[in-house]
């Protein structure tokens, strides 16, 4: 039995490694084509470029592993079935559950490894990749100028342009930043931005300079020029590495997410206590309605009841209406804050479930791939890739859709993230049970077609006669 287990694992492991390399190469090539413009003209050394590409291999690998598992299962069990090895094993008294057990063990091992990778390694890689990407983006400000938007990356100046054609800037306007003795503004028809070792050269053509003395507004100077060069020291020409503790949800480990959700929960409790105190200040019970609309309805009913009470004076009614108006404005802000905190907490919970859902899918893909491989009796890479691509595409679309619905609070994170896995589990279990029973998963009653063909032949013969 150990020999059989080693044989099955060997037949699975080699296709898994091969498929993983192919899928990673395809996804990595696609990413490189989209990201190559970030490197052009930046003067980056090869080490920085390779570091950036390596850091982005994290999310690519996490996405490629489940699909590689499905391809490997299809190839291995398809080859077993094509070579009649499954039939021979069954004839020897070995059940299909025993045959598929080593594959499931490999699936569990891959899923466990991927969970640890998603939980601890990939968040760090995503975080460092984002930091490095931002540092690369700021390294050469001449490539970051967008027409119609202020550029504030220059140390002492703000710059805005109307249009940009290749390297030529059109209708350039520059304003000095900070508080100095003079306020300078420059306008030119055209210009270009170039860099040297330790500075930025801004060359302007056909323009004018306006200088205003901030201590004496009567002291004003206007200078016209045909060519004017501004030299701006720029330390950012060299790649400066930043270090920050601010992370997005995809850059957090499991413990970071749990701590973040705990912090958000504490903030929600504080806001809810402020809501209760707002009702107390209006001489009502300390309550926390589920939403602002219900709170507004309660305040309106209280105001109408208080105003119709003949024992209350006009001055008391006026003060009460003022207090209710203040409470209503406060509650609107508080419930908007609660809604924002709820969305943030939901987003982190979605990311927490994602770290487990995709690795668990590896086990389900083993079950699906083994059954489909036996069913189609083909172990070629092309057939396995075609079948797995279709299954994985549907799974990925459902996963992305569920994540989006969960992020928007339409579905709970558990339902949104785990629904594709539940559907895949039903399909894989159905296929596996029918493979164990040696029955086709889709039964078609051929007698109907035979009867139809027989009636057609009889009618044709009658017509001919």
Protein backbone atom coordinates (compact mmCIF):
# COMPACT_ATOMS: atom_id res chain seq x y z
CA UNK A 1 0.00 0.00 0.00
CA UNK A 2 2.92 2.34 0.71
CA UNK A 3 4.21 1.69 -2.78
CA UNK A 4 0.83 2.65 -4.25
CA UNK A 5 0.70 5.81 -2.12
CA UNK A 6 4.18 6.87 -3.27
CA UNK A 7 3.27 6.16 -6.88
CA UNK A 8 0.07 8.23 -6.75
CA UNK A 9 1.83 11.11 -4.98
CA UNK A 10 4.62 11.08 -7.55
CA UNK A 11 2.11 11.15 -10.41
CA UNK A 12 0.40 14.13 -8.72
CA UNK A 13 3.44 16.07 -7.58
CA UNK A 14 5.23 16.41 -10.92
CA UNK A 15 2.15 17.72 -12.84
CA UNK A 16 1.45 20.08 -9.91
CA UNK A 17 4.92 21.63 -10.06
CA UNK A 18 4.81 21.82 -13.87
CA UNK A 19 1.33 23.42 -13.94
CA UNK A 20 2.23 25.82 -11.11
CA UNK A 21 5.28 27.07 -13.01
CA UNK A 22 3.27 27.51 -16.22
CA UNK A 23 0.40 29.39 -14.50
CA UNK A 24 2.76 31.60 -12.48
CA UNK A 25 4.69 32.39 -15.67
CA UNK A 26 1.49 33.40 -17.52
CA UNK A 27 0.16 35.54 -14.65
CA UNK A 28 3.59 37.04 -14.00
CA UNK A 29 4.04 37.94 -17.68
CA UNK A 30 0.65 39.64 -17.71
CA UNK A 31 1.56 41.61 -14.57
CA UNK A 32 4.95 42.56 -15.99
CA UNK A 33 3.41 43.95 -19.18
CA UNK A 34 1.09 46.14 -17.10
CA UNK A 35 3.81 47.27 -14.68
CA UNK A 36 6.72 47.81 -17.08
CA UNK A 37 5.87 51.48 -17.59
CA UNK A 38 6.70 52.07 -13.90
CA UNK A 39 10.33 51.20 -14.58
CA UNK A 40 10.88 53.05 -17.86
CA UNK A 41 12.97 56.17 -17.48
CA UNK A 42 13.33 55.75 -13.71
CA UNK A 43 17.01 54.84 -13.71
CA UNK A 44 16.40 51.94 -11.32
CA UNK A 45 19.05 49.34 -10.65
CA UNK A 46 18.33 45.71 -11.48
CA UNK A 47 18.21 44.75 -7.80
CA UNK A 48 15.30 47.11 -7.14
CA UNK A 49 13.42 45.90 -10.23
CA UNK A 50 13.86 42.24 -9.30
CA UNK A 51 12.84 42.98 -5.70
CA UNK A 52 9.61 44.63 -6.86
CA UNK A 53 8.81 41.73 -9.20
CA UNK A 54 9.62 39.15 -6.53
CA UNK A 55 7.38 40.85 -3.95
CA UNK A 56 4.44 40.68 -6.38
CA UNK A 57 4.96 36.95 -6.82
CA UNK A 58 3.14 36.48 -3.50
CA UNK A 59 -0.42 37.14 -4.64
CA UNK A 60 0.32 35.52 -8.03
CA UNK A 61 1.41 32.28 -6.35
CA UNK A 62 -1.57 32.28 -3.97
CA UNK A 63 -3.88 32.54 -6.97
CA UNK A 64 -2.02 29.96 -9.09
CA UNK A 65 -1.77 27.15 -6.52
CA UNK A 66 -5.47 26.08 -6.49
CA UNK A 67 -5.64 25.99 -10.28
CA UNK A 68 -2.40 23.99 -10.42
CA UNK A 69 -3.90 21.50 -7.94
CA UNK A 70 -6.95 21.01 -10.16
CA UNK A 71 -4.82 20.53 -13.30
CA UNK A 72 -2.56 18.04 -11.51
CA UNK A 73 -5.52 15.97 -10.27
CA UNK A 74 -7.08 15.93 -13.74
CA UNK A 75 -3.80 14.94 -15.41
CA UNK A 76 -2.87 12.23 -12.89
CA UNK A 77 -6.25 10.51 -12.60
CA UNK A 78 -6.97 11.00 -16.28
CA UNK A 79 -3.73 9.18 -17.06
CA UNK A 80 -4.56 6.44 -14.55
CA UNK A 81 -7.93 5.92 -16.23
CA UNK A 82 -6.53 6.13 -19.78
CA UNK A 83 -3.91 3.47 -18.98
CA UNK A 84 -6.58 1.30 -17.26
CA UNK A 85 -4.67 1.53 -13.97
CA UNK A 86 -7.85 2.50 -12.11
CA UNK A 87 -9.54 -0.64 -13.47
CA UNK A 88 -6.57 -2.77 -12.42
CA UNK A 89 -6.54 -1.32 -8.93
CA UNK A 90 -10.26 -1.93 -8.52
CA UNK A 91 -9.87 -5.47 -9.82
CA UNK A 92 -7.26 -6.00 -7.10
CA UNK A 93 -9.82 -5.09 -4.48
CA UNK A 94 -8.66 -1.50 -3.92
CA UNK A 95 -11.57 0.91 -3.57
CA UNK A 96 -11.57 4.32 -5.21
CA UNK A 97 -11.58 5.96 -1.77
CA UNK A 98 -8.28 4.22 -1.05
CA UNK A 99 -6.92 5.38 -4.42
CA UNK A 100 -7.93 8.99 -3.89
CA UNK A 101 -6.78 9.10 -0.24
CA UNK A 102 -3.12 10.03 -1.01
CA UNK A 103 -4.36 12.80 -3.31
CA UNK A 104 -6.57 14.19 -0.55
CA UNK A 105 -3.62 14.04 1.87
CA UNK A 106 -1.56 16.06 -0.63
CA UNK A 107 -4.46 18.49 -0.94
CA UNK A 108 -4.58 18.93 2.85
CA UNK A 109 -0.82 19.54 2.94
CA UNK A 110 -1.00 22.14 0.17
CA UNK A 111 -4.03 23.81 1.80
CA UNK A 112 -2.25 24.02 5.18
CA UNK A 113 0.88 25.48 3.57
CA UNK A 114 -1.18 27.99 1.62
CA UNK A 115 -3.09 29.06 4.75
CA UNK A 116 0.21 29.77 6.53
CA UNK A 117 1.48 31.60 3.44
CA UNK A 118 -1.69 33.72 3.20
CA UNK A 119 -1.68 34.42 6.92
CA UNK A 120 1.93 35.49 7.47
CA UNK A 121 4.09 35.74 4.34
CA UNK A 122 1.81 37.21 1.65
CA UNK A 123 0.65 40.21 3.77
CA UNK A 124 4.28 41.24 4.31
CA UNK A 125 5.04 40.84 0.61
CA UNK A 126 1.97 42.88 -0.36
CA UNK A 127 2.90 45.61 2.13
CA UNK A 128 6.51 45.87 0.98
CA UNK A 129 5.44 45.77 -2.68
CA UNK A 130 3.07 48.70 -2.14
CA UNK A 131 5.71 50.70 -0.28
CA UNK A 132 8.29 50.06 -2.99
CA UNK A 133 5.78 50.86 -5.72
CA UNK A 134 5.04 54.23 -4.11
CA UNK A 135 8.75 54.98 -3.76
CA UNK A 136 9.33 54.14 -7.42
CA UNK A 137 6.36 56.26 -8.45
CA UNK A 138 7.78 59.34 -6.70
CA UNK A 139 11.33 58.85 -7.94
CA UNK A 140 10.87 60.84 -11.15
CA UNK A 141 8.15 63.49 -10.85
CA UNK A 142 8.32 64.41 -14.54
CA UNK A 143 6.44 61.21 -15.39
CA UNK A 144 3.70 61.91 -12.82
CA UNK A 145 2.34 65.19 -14.20
CA UNK A 146 -1.30 64.95 -15.26
CA UNK A 147 -2.96 67.84 -17.16
CA UNK A 148 -5.43 69.75 -15.02
CA UNK A 149 -4.10 68.47 -11.68
CA UNK A 150 -1.77 70.23 -9.25
CA UNK A 151 1.58 68.51 -8.74
CA UNK A 152 2.92 69.04 -5.21
CA UNK A 153 5.87 66.60 -5.33
CA UNK A 154 8.38 69.40 -6.00
CA UNK A 155 9.96 70.68 -2.77
CA UNK A 156 9.26 74.45 -3.06
CA UNK A 157 6.77 74.75 -5.90
CA UNK A 158 3.30 73.68 -7.00
CA UNK A 159 2.81 73.11 -10.70
CA UNK A 160 -0.19 72.71 -12.98
CA UNK A 161 -0.36 72.34 -16.77
CA UNK A 162 -3.18 72.53 -19.29
CA UNK A 163 -1.90 69.83 -21.66
CA UNK A 164 1.03 67.49 -22.24
CA UNK A 165 2.37 66.26 -25.56
CA UNK A 166 5.25 63.78 -25.30
CA UNK A 167 7.80 65.61 -23.09
CA UNK A 168 6.43 69.08 -23.82
CA UNK A 169 4.32 70.75 -21.14
CA UNK A 170 1.81 73.33 -22.37
CA UNK A 171 0.41 76.36 -20.54
CA UNK A 172 2.59 75.84 -17.45
CA UNK A 173 1.74 77.67 -14.21
CA UNK A 174 4.04 77.51 -11.16
CA UNK A 175 3.39 78.86 -7.67
CA UNK A 176 5.85 79.09 -4.81
CA UNK A 177 5.00 77.19 -1.62
CA UNK A 178 5.58 78.15 1.98
CA UNK A 179 5.72 81.51 3.66
CA UNK A 180 8.64 83.66 2.51
CA UNK A 181 9.39 87.29 1.92
CA UNK A 182 8.02 87.16 -1.63
CA UNK A 183 5.24 85.26 -3.38
CA UNK A 184 6.26 84.10 -6.87
CA UNK A 185 4.06 82.88 -9.70
CA UNK A 186 5.33 81.89 -13.14
CA UNK A 187 3.39 81.35 -16.35
CA UNK A 188 4.86 80.07 -19.61
CA UNK A 189 3.42 78.80 -22.88
CA UNK A 190 5.58 75.66 -22.98
CA UNK A 191 8.21 73.88 -20.92
CA UNK A 192 9.86 70.55 -20.16
CA UNK A 193 11.10 68.74 -17.10
CA UNK A 194 14.47 66.97 -17.05
CA UNK A 195 16.66 65.55 -14.32
CA UNK A 196 20.32 65.51 -13.46
CA UNK A 197 22.13 63.64 -10.70
CA UNK A 198 20.81 65.62 -7.75
CA UNK A 199 18.27 68.09 -9.12
CA UNK A 200 15.33 68.69 -11.43
CA UNK A 201 15.69 71.16 -14.29
CA UNK A 202 12.46 72.90 -15.26
CA UNK A 203 12.99 74.75 -18.55
CA UNK A 204 10.27 77.27 -19.48
CA UNK A 205 9.76 79.13 -22.76
CA UNK A 206 7.90 82.37 -23.60
CA UNK A 207 6.46 83.40 -20.27
CA UNK A 208 6.50 85.87 -17.43
CA UNK A 209 7.36 85.95 -13.73
CA UNK A 210 5.27 87.78 -11.13
CA UNK A 211 6.83 88.58 -7.74
CA UNK A 212 4.94 90.21 -4.85
CA UNK A 213 6.59 91.45 -1.67
CA UNK A 214 4.46 90.10 1.18
CA UNK A 215 5.69 92.79 3.57
CA UNK A 216 4.92 95.62 1.17
CA UNK A 217 2.13 94.84 -1.32
CA UNK A 218 3.05 97.96 -3.28
CA UNK A 219 6.36 96.35 -4.21
CA UNK A 220 5.44 94.27 -7.26
CA UNK A 221 7.67 93.11 -10.11
CA UNK A 222 6.83 91.55 -13.51
CA UNK A 223 9.52 89.94 -15.72
CA UNK A 224 9.06 88.61 -19.25
CA UNK A 225 11.36 85.89 -20.60
CA UNK A 226 11.94 83.75 -23.68
CA UNK A 227 13.72 81.02 -21.75
CA UNK A 228 13.94 80.50 -18.03
CA UNK A 229 15.50 77.56 -16.17
CA UNK A 230 14.55 76.64 -12.62
CA UNK A 231 16.85 74.28 -10.73
CA UNK A 232 15.06 72.36 -8.01
CA UNK A 233 17.05 70.18 -5.56
CA UNK A 234 15.36 66.80 -5.44
CA UNK A 235 16.43 64.16 -2.99
CA UNK A 236 13.61 61.96 -4.31
CA UNK A 237 15.67 61.34 -7.45
CA UNK A 238 17.28 58.69 -5.33
CA UNK A 239 14.98 55.90 -4.24
CA UNK A 240 14.06 56.65 -0.63
CA UNK A 241 12.55 53.71 1.22
CA UNK A 242 9.64 54.56 3.49
CA UNK A 243 8.53 52.72 6.57
CA UNK A 244 4.98 53.11 7.79
CA UNK A 245 2.63 51.22 10.04
CA UNK A 246 -0.42 52.02 7.93
CA UNK A 247 -1.61 48.85 6.18
CA UNK A 248 -4.58 47.88 4.07
CA UNK A 249 -6.64 44.77 4.79
CA UNK A 250 -4.66 42.68 2.27
CA UNK A 251 -1.41 43.62 4.00
CA UNK A 252 -2.43 42.38 7.44
CA UNK A 253 -1.73 39.10 9.16
CA UNK A 254 -4.52 37.27 10.97
CA UNK A 255 -3.52 38.76 14.33
CA UNK A 256 -3.41 42.27 12.85
CA UNK A 257 -6.93 41.82 11.44
CA UNK A 258 -8.25 40.54 14.76
CA UNK A 259 -6.68 43.48 16.61
CA UNK A 260 -8.07 45.92 14.05
CA UNK A 261 -11.59 44.51 14.35
CA UNK A 262 -11.33 44.65 18.14
CA UNK A 263 -10.32 48.32 17.92
CA UNK A 264 -13.25 49.05 15.58
CA UNK A 265 -15.60 47.22 17.95
CA UNK A 266 -14.42 49.41 20.83
CA UNK A 267 -15.02 52.53 18.73
CA UNK A 268 -18.51 51.32 17.85
CA UNK A 269 -19.26 50.86 21.57
CA UNK A 270 -18.12 54.43 22.24
CA UNK A 271 -20.35 55.81 19.48
CA UNK A 272 -23.33 53.78 20.70
CA UNK A 273 -22.83 55.19 24.20
CA UNK A 274 -22.89 58.71 22.72
CA UNK A 275 -26.16 57.85 20.97
CA UNK A 276 -27.66 56.74 24.29
CA UNK A 277 -26.51 59.95 26.00
CA UNK A 278 -28.05 62.03 23.19
CA UNK A 279 -31.46 60.53 24.01
CA UNK A 280 -30.89 61.12 27.72
CA UNK A 281 -30.23 64.82 27.12
CA UNK A 282 -33.69 65.12 25.55
CA UNK A 283 -35.24 63.70 28.76
CA UNK A 284 -35.86 60.30 27.15
CA UNK A 285 -34.73 56.78 27.98
CA UNK A 286 -31.16 55.69 27.25
CA UNK A 287 -31.86 53.75 24.03
CA UNK A 288 -29.85 52.90 20.90
CA UNK A 289 -32.15 52.39 17.89
CA UNK A 290 -30.76 50.27 15.02
CA UNK A 291 -30.65 53.13 12.49
CA UNK A 292 -31.05 56.88 12.13
CA UNK A 293 -34.51 56.69 10.52
CA UNK A 294 -35.94 54.95 13.58
CA UNK A 295 -34.15 57.41 15.88
CA UNK A 296 -35.66 60.34 13.98
CA UNK A 297 -39.12 58.78 14.23
CA UNK A 298 -38.75 58.36 18.02
CA UNK A 299 -37.60 61.99 18.41
CA UNK A 300 -40.50 63.25 16.30
CA UNK A 301 -43.06 61.29 18.32
CA UNK A 302 -41.55 62.59 21.56
CA UNK A 303 -41.57 66.19 20.29
CA UNK A 304 -45.21 65.97 19.19
CA UNK A 305 -46.23 64.37 22.49
CA UNK A 306 -44.41 67.03 24.49
CA UNK A 307 -45.88 69.89 22.41
CA UNK A 308 -49.46 68.64 22.82
CA UNK A 309 -49.11 68.34 26.61
CA UNK A 310 -50.97 71.34 28.04
CA UNK A 311 -48.92 71.29 31.25
CA UNK A 312 -45.78 72.35 29.36
CA UNK A 313 -45.14 76.03 28.88
CA UNK A 314 -44.27 77.62 25.54
CA UNK A 315 -40.74 78.30 26.75
CA UNK A 316 -40.29 74.65 27.78
CA UNK A 317 -41.61 73.50 24.39
CA UNK A 318 -39.19 75.84 22.61
CA UNK A 319 -36.21 74.54 24.64
CA UNK A 320 -37.30 70.95 24.03
CA UNK A 321 -37.59 71.49 20.27
CA UNK A 322 -34.13 73.06 20.26
CA UNK A 323 -32.70 70.07 22.19
CA UNK A 324 -34.40 67.63 19.80
CA UNK A 325 -32.99 69.48 16.79
CA UNK A 326 -29.47 69.34 18.26
CA UNK A 327 -29.90 65.64 19.11
CA UNK A 328 -31.13 64.91 15.57
CA UNK A 329 -28.05 66.51 14.01
CA UNK A 330 -25.76 64.64 16.38
CA UNK A 331 -27.49 61.32 15.76
CA UNK A 332 -27.19 61.76 12.00
CA UNK A 333 -23.42 62.11 12.36
CA UNK A 334 -23.17 59.26 14.86
CA UNK A 335 -25.09 56.81 12.68
CA UNK A 336 -23.00 57.79 9.64
CA UNK A 337 -19.94 56.98 11.76
CA UNK A 338 -21.47 53.66 12.85
CA UNK A 339 -22.16 52.80 9.21
CA UNK A 340 -18.56 53.61 8.29
CA UNK A 341 -17.18 51.52 11.15
CA UNK A 342 -19.48 48.65 10.18
CA UNK A 343 -18.21 48.65 6.61
CA UNK A 344 -14.59 48.73 7.78
CA UNK A 345 -15.13 45.84 10.18
CA UNK A 346 -16.91 43.91 7.45
CA UNK A 347 -14.03 44.48 5.02
CA UNK A 348 -11.49 43.08 7.47
CA UNK A 349 -13.69 40.07 8.20
CA UNK A 350 -13.97 39.39 4.47
CA UNK A 351 -10.17 39.39 4.17
CA UNK A 352 -9.91 37.10 7.20
CA UNK A 353 -12.19 34.50 5.59
CA UNK A 354 -10.39 34.81 2.23
CA UNK A 355 -7.14 33.64 3.84
CA UNK A 356 -8.84 30.28 4.46
CA UNK A 357 -11.41 29.88 1.69
CA UNK A 358 -9.03 29.65 -1.29
CA UNK A 359 -6.68 27.13 0.40
CA UNK A 360 -9.67 24.97 1.39
CA UNK A 361 -10.69 25.01 -2.28
CA UNK A 362 -7.48 23.05 -3.03
CA UNK A 363 -8.95 20.00 -1.25
CA UNK A 364 -12.21 20.36 -3.15
CA UNK A 365 -10.33 20.72 -6.44
CA UNK A 366 -8.55 17.41 -5.69
CA UNK A 367 -11.92 15.70 -5.30
CA UNK A 368 -13.28 17.32 -8.46
CA UNK A 369 -10.15 16.70 -10.55
CA UNK A 370 -9.91 13.04 -9.54
CA UNK A 371 -13.53 12.36 -10.51
CA UNK A 372 -13.36 14.27 -13.80
CA UNK A 373 -10.07 12.61 -14.71
CA UNK A 374 -11.61 9.14 -14.31
CA UNK A 375 -14.76 10.26 -16.15
CA UNK A 376 -13.00 11.70 -19.24
CA UNK A 377 -10.19 9.10 -19.28
CA UNK A 378 -7.70 11.60 -20.72
CA UNK A 379 -4.52 12.69 -18.98
CA UNK A 380 -3.12 15.25 -21.41
CA UNK A 381 -2.08 18.70 -20.26
CA UNK A 382 -4.25 20.46 -22.85
CA UNK A 383 -7.48 18.70 -21.86
CA UNK A 384 -6.71 19.06 -18.16
CA UNK A 385 -5.99 22.77 -18.56
CA UNK A 386 -9.18 23.38 -20.55
CA UNK A 387 -11.40 21.64 -18.01
CA UNK A 388 -9.70 23.20 -14.99
CA UNK A 389 -9.77 26.67 -16.52
CA UNK A 390 -13.54 26.47 -16.93
CA UNK A 391 -14.09 25.25 -13.37
CA UNK A 392 -11.67 27.74 -11.85
CA UNK A 393 -13.06 30.64 -13.89
CA UNK A 394 -16.59 30.00 -12.59
CA UNK A 395 -15.26 29.57 -9.04
CA UNK A 396 -13.20 32.78 -9.23
CA UNK A 397 -16.12 34.81 -10.63
CA UNK A 398 -18.35 33.56 -7.78
CA UNK A 399 -15.62 34.35 -5.25
CA UNK A 400 -15.10 37.90 -6.58
CA UNK A 401 -18.86 38.48 -6.71
CA UNK A 402 -19.33 37.17 -3.18
CA UNK A 403 -16.48 39.33 -1.91
CA UNK A 404 -17.96 42.43 -3.53
CA UNK A 405 -21.43 41.75 -2.07
CA UNK A 406 -19.90 41.13 1.36
CA UNK A 407 -17.87 44.36 1.17
CA UNK A 408 -21.07 46.28 0.45
CA UNK A 409 -22.89 44.62 3.39
CA UNK A 410 -25.40 42.95 1.06
CA UNK A 411 -24.23 39.52 2.23
CA UNK A 412 -22.47 38.50 5.41
CA UNK A 413 -18.73 37.75 4.95
CA UNK A 414 -19.28 34.08 5.77
CA UNK A 415 -21.94 33.67 3.07
CA UNK A 416 -20.17 35.82 0.49
CA UNK A 417 -16.77 34.15 0.80
CA UNK A 418 -17.71 30.54 1.52
CA UNK A 419 -20.66 30.14 -0.88
CA UNK A 420 -18.39 29.20 -3.86
CA UNK A 421 -16.70 26.57 -1.68
CA UNK A 422 -20.06 25.16 -0.59
CA UNK A 423 -21.19 24.92 -4.22
CA UNK A 424 -17.87 23.34 -5.21
CA UNK A 425 -18.18 20.87 -2.31
CA UNK A 426 -21.63 19.77 -3.50
CA UNK A 427 -20.38 19.27 -7.08
CA UNK A 428 -17.19 17.47 -6.04
CA UNK A 429 -19.03 15.19 -3.59
CA UNK A 430 -21.62 14.31 -6.23
CA UNK A 431 -18.92 13.49 -8.78
CA UNK A 432 -16.85 11.53 -6.27
CA UNK A 433 -19.76 9.38 -5.08
CA UNK A 434 -20.72 8.47 -8.64
CA UNK A 435 -17.08 7.67 -9.44
CA UNK A 436 -16.90 5.36 -6.42
CA UNK A 437 -20.10 3.61 -7.57
CA UNK A 438 -18.72 3.45 -11.12
CA UNK A 439 -21.80 5.25 -12.43
CA UNK A 440 -21.88 8.17 -14.88
CA UNK A 441 -22.82 11.41 -13.02
CA UNK A 442 -25.26 12.41 -15.78
CA UNK A 443 -27.59 9.66 -16.89
CA UNK A 444 -29.29 10.01 -20.24
CA UNK A 445 -32.18 7.70 -21.13
CA UNK A 446 -31.25 6.50 -24.59
CA UNK A 447 -34.51 4.52 -25.01
CA UNK A 448 -36.33 7.76 -25.82
CA UNK A 449 -33.98 8.43 -28.73
CA UNK A 450 -34.29 4.80 -29.93
CA UNK A 451 -38.09 4.98 -29.93
CA UNK A 452 -38.00 8.30 -31.77
CA UNK A 453 -35.61 6.88 -34.37
CA UNK A 454 -37.76 3.75 -34.81
CA UNK A 455 -40.92 5.80 -35.40
CA UNK A 456 -39.07 7.99 -37.88
CA UNK A 457 -37.81 4.96 -39.82
CA UNK A 458 -41.35 3.49 -39.94
CA UNK A 459 -42.80 6.76 -41.23
CA UNK A 460 -40.06 7.04 -43.87
CA UNK A 461 -40.73 3.48 -45.06
CA UNK A 462 -44.48 4.13 -45.24
CA UNK A 463 -43.93 7.28 -47.25
CA UNK A 464 -41.66 5.48 -49.68
CA UNK A 465 -44.18 2.70 -50.20
